[in-house]
Amino acid sequence: MATLSNSTNIFWQDCQVGRLERQKLLNQKGCVVWITGLSGSGKSTLACSLSRELHSKGKLSYVLDGDNLRHGLNKDLGFKAEDRAENIRRTGKLAPVFMNMPLELCEARDPKGLYKLARAGKIKGFTGIDDPYEPPINCEIEIKQENGDCPTPTLMAGQVVTYLENKGFLES
């Protein structure tokens, strides 16, 4: 797979509508929140709850769910280490939210039945089972259990919204 860094005929295309003009029109700054964690840790749940919370504040948002990206932009990628690295490269370098949930909890939830398949040997290289999960080194937000309890989607979304407000992303 070729990367852009190896190409000499790729040139940056400036857009007529700049970042500041877009911010003024939308009355908000742009940012990306990347939610990372094991399968079943609550990433999609948080993303949808956060989108709803931002919408209630009159802010535009869009959820790019990992599974949805693999139906389009990343449909040619598998789940080997190099494919996962390419998946991340294509998605972009973002400020991650780390869903730091224990493997046992994620495996107990198993909403897609993937852990069961991995334990049965039907999925090779499954992150968290036979391929290690590498948590982000410098995550902006870490969401984890408190006293054995998972925070609600609303509380998790509130934590991210507070971060975005404190960083000035939700003001024009």
Protein backbone atom coordinates (compact mmCIF):
# COMPACT_ATOMS: atom_id res chain seq x y z
CA MET A 1 0.00 0.00 0.00
CA ALA A 2 1.55 3.32 -1.08
CA THR A 3 1.48 6.33 1.20
CA LEU A 4 1.26 9.99 0.28
CA SER A 5 4.70 10.65 1.76
CA ASN A 6 6.19 8.60 -1.10
CA SER A 7 4.38 10.58 -3.80
CA THR A 8 5.98 13.60 -5.43
CA ASN A 9 3.00 14.67 -7.52
CA ILE A 10 0.58 15.40 -4.66
CA PHE A 11 -0.05 19.07 -3.91
CA TRP A 12 -2.13 20.74 -1.19
CA GLN A 13 -5.32 22.26 -2.59
CA ASP A 14 -6.39 25.44 -0.82
CA CYS A 15 -10.12 25.93 -0.42
CA GLN A 16 -11.88 29.23 -1.11
CA VAL A 17 -13.73 28.97 2.20
CA GLY A 18 -11.27 29.09 5.08
CA ARG A 19 -11.41 27.83 8.64
CA LEU A 20 -12.21 31.23 10.16
CA GLU A 21 -15.06 31.84 7.70
CA ARG A 22 -16.51 28.43 8.52
CA GLN A 23 -16.23 29.11 12.26
CA LYS A 24 -18.06 32.42 11.87
CA LEU A 25 -20.85 30.88 9.80
CA LEU A 26 -21.37 27.93 12.16
CA ASN A 27 -20.77 29.94 15.33
CA GLN A 28 -18.41 27.24 16.61
CA LYS A 29 -14.85 26.06 16.17
CA GLY A 30 -14.06 22.78 14.49
CA CYS A 31 -12.51 19.88 16.34
CA VAL A 32 -12.38 16.12 16.24
CA VAL A 33 -12.94 13.87 19.24
CA TRP A 34 -11.52 10.40 18.73
CA ILE A 35 -12.98 7.84 21.12
CA THR A 36 -10.77 4.79 21.49
CA GLY A 37 -11.01 1.60 23.53
CA LEU A 38 -11.68 -2.11 23.37
CA SER A 39 -14.66 -3.53 21.51
CA GLY A 40 -17.65 -3.25 23.83
CA SER A 41 -16.15 -0.45 25.96
CA GLY A 42 -18.92 2.00 25.01
CA LYS A 43 -17.29 4.04 22.24
CA SER A 44 -20.34 4.19 19.96
CA THR A 45 -22.66 4.75 22.93
CA LEU A 46 -20.58 7.74 24.03
CA ALA A 47 -20.32 9.09 20.47
CA CYS A 48 -24.08 9.05 19.96
CA SER A 49 -24.76 10.53 23.41
CA LEU A 50 -22.17 13.26 22.80
CA SER A 51 -23.71 14.06 19.41
CA ARG A 52 -27.14 14.37 21.04
CA GLU A 53 -25.74 16.62 23.81
CA LEU A 54 -23.98 18.90 21.31
CA HIS A 55 -27.14 19.05 19.19
CA SER A 56 -29.14 20.13 22.26
CA LYS A 57 -26.64 22.99 22.67
CA GLY A 58 -27.16 24.05 19.04
CA LYS A 59 -23.78 22.72 17.90
CA LEU A 60 -23.22 20.71 14.75
CA SER A 61 -21.53 17.34 15.05
CA TYR A 62 -21.06 14.21 13.00
CA VAL A 63 -20.28 10.71 14.21
CA LEU A 64 -17.79 8.66 12.19
CA ASP A 65 -18.24 5.24 13.77
CA GLY A 66 -15.39 2.79 13.19
CA ASP A 67 -17.67 0.08 11.81
CA ASN A 68 -19.31 2.61 9.49
CA LEU A 69 -15.91 3.77 8.20
CA ARG A 70 -15.11 0.15 7.37
CA HIS A 71 -18.19 0.06 5.14
CA GLY A 72 -16.81 2.92 3.04
CA LEU A 73 -13.47 4.70 3.37
CA ASN A 74 -11.69 1.73 4.94
CA LYS A 75 -13.61 -1.17 3.39
CA ASP A 76 -10.45 -2.56 1.81
CA LEU A 77 -8.77 -3.04 5.20
CA GLY A 78 -8.73 -6.09 7.42
CA PHE A 79 -7.80 -6.31 11.09
CA LYS A 80 -4.11 -7.26 10.91
CA ALA A 81 -1.77 -4.87 12.73
CA GLU A 82 -0.75 -3.07 9.54
CA ASP A 83 -4.38 -2.68 8.43
CA ARG A 84 -5.37 -1.26 11.82
CA ALA A 85 -2.46 1.20 11.60
CA GLU A 86 -3.65 2.26 8.13
CA ASN A 87 -7.22 2.59 9.44
CA ILE A 88 -5.97 5.05 12.07
CA ARG A 89 -3.80 6.92 9.55
CA ARG A 90 -6.73 7.39 7.18
CA THR A 91 -9.07 8.48 9.93
CA GLY A 92 -6.67 11.18 11.04
CA LYS A 93 -4.58 12.28 13.96
CA LEU A 94 -7.04 13.33 16.60
CA ALA A 95 -7.34 14.10 20.31
CA PRO A 96 -8.44 10.78 21.77
CA VAL A 97 -10.97 10.01 24.46
CA PHE A 98 -9.88 6.75 26.05
CA MET A 99 -12.73 4.46 27.09
CA ASN A 100 -10.67 2.70 29.75
CA MET A 101 -12.99 -0.19 30.55
CA PRO A 102 -11.73 -3.56 31.80
CA LEU A 103 -11.48 -6.38 29.29
CA GLU A 104 -13.76 -8.48 31.51
CA LEU A 105 -16.54 -5.87 31.22
CA CYS A 106 -16.14 -5.51 27.45
CA GLU A 107 -16.16 -9.28 27.04
CA ALA A 108 -19.27 -9.61 29.24
CA ARG A 109 -21.07 -6.99 27.12
CA ASP A 110 -19.88 -8.43 23.77
CA PRO A 111 -22.66 -6.67 21.78
CA LYS A 112 -21.47 -8.09 18.45
CA GLY A 113 -20.43 -11.55 19.68
CA LEU A 114 -16.84 -10.88 18.65
CA TYR A 115 -15.17 -11.90 21.91
CA LYS A 116 -17.01 -15.24 21.83
CA LEU A 117 -15.80 -15.82 18.26
CA ALA A 118 -12.24 -14.79 19.18
CA ARG A 119 -12.19 -17.12 22.20
CA ALA A 120 -13.42 -19.93 19.93
CA GLY A 121 -10.51 -19.23 17.56
CA LYS A 122 -12.77 -18.02 14.76
CA ILE A 123 -11.27 -14.50 14.76
CA LYS A 124 -7.48 -14.29 14.75
CA GLY A 125 -5.64 -11.17 15.89
CA PHE A 126 -8.62 -9.84 17.86
CA THR A 127 -7.58 -6.83 19.93
CA GLY A 128 -7.64 -7.60 23.63
CA ILE A 129 -7.64 -11.39 23.21
CA ASP A 130 -4.71 -12.58 21.09
CA ASP A 131 -3.47 -9.15 19.99
CA PRO A 132 -2.67 -6.59 22.67
CA TYR A 133 -4.62 -3.35 22.94
CA GLU A 134 -2.28 -0.36 23.02
CA PRO A 135 -3.92 2.42 25.05
CA PRO A 136 -3.21 5.97 23.93
CA ILE A 137 -0.16 7.53 25.53
CA ASN A 138 -1.46 11.10 25.64
CA CYS A 139 -5.24 10.95 25.75
CA GLU A 140 -7.10 14.18 26.41
CA ILE A 141 -9.92 12.49 28.34
CA GLU A 142 -10.02 9.12 30.09
CA ILE A 143 -13.40 7.62 30.94
CA LYS A 144 -13.35 4.70 33.34
CA GLN A 145 -15.35 2.90 35.98
CA GLU A 146 -15.66 4.54 39.38
CA ASN A 147 -16.02 2.09 42.27
CA GLY A 148 -16.92 -0.66 39.79
CA ASP A 149 -19.71 1.35 38.14
CA CYS A 150 -19.73 2.56 34.55
CA PRO A 151 -20.74 6.18 34.05
CA THR A 152 -23.99 6.72 32.15
CA PRO A 153 -23.82 7.85 28.51
CA THR A 154 -25.11 11.28 29.61
CA LEU A 155 -22.35 11.65 32.23
CA MET A 156 -19.69 10.53 29.75
CA ALA A 157 -20.96 12.99 27.12
CA GLY A 158 -21.02 15.74 29.75
CA GLN A 159 -17.37 15.07 30.55
CA VAL A 160 -16.43 15.51 26.88
CA VAL A 161 -18.64 18.60 26.43
CA THR A 162 -17.02 20.20 29.51
CA TYR A 163 -13.59 19.53 27.99
CA LEU A 164 -14.66 21.06 24.65
CA GLU A 165 -16.11 24.11 26.43
CA ASN A 166 -12.96 24.57 28.52
CA LYS A 167 -10.80 24.38 25.38
CA GLY A 168 -13.02 26.96 23.63
CA PHE A 169 -14.25 24.66 20.86
CA LEU A 170 -17.93 25.39 21.46
CA GLU A 171 -17.64 29.15 21.18
CA SER A 172 -17.47 31.11 17.94
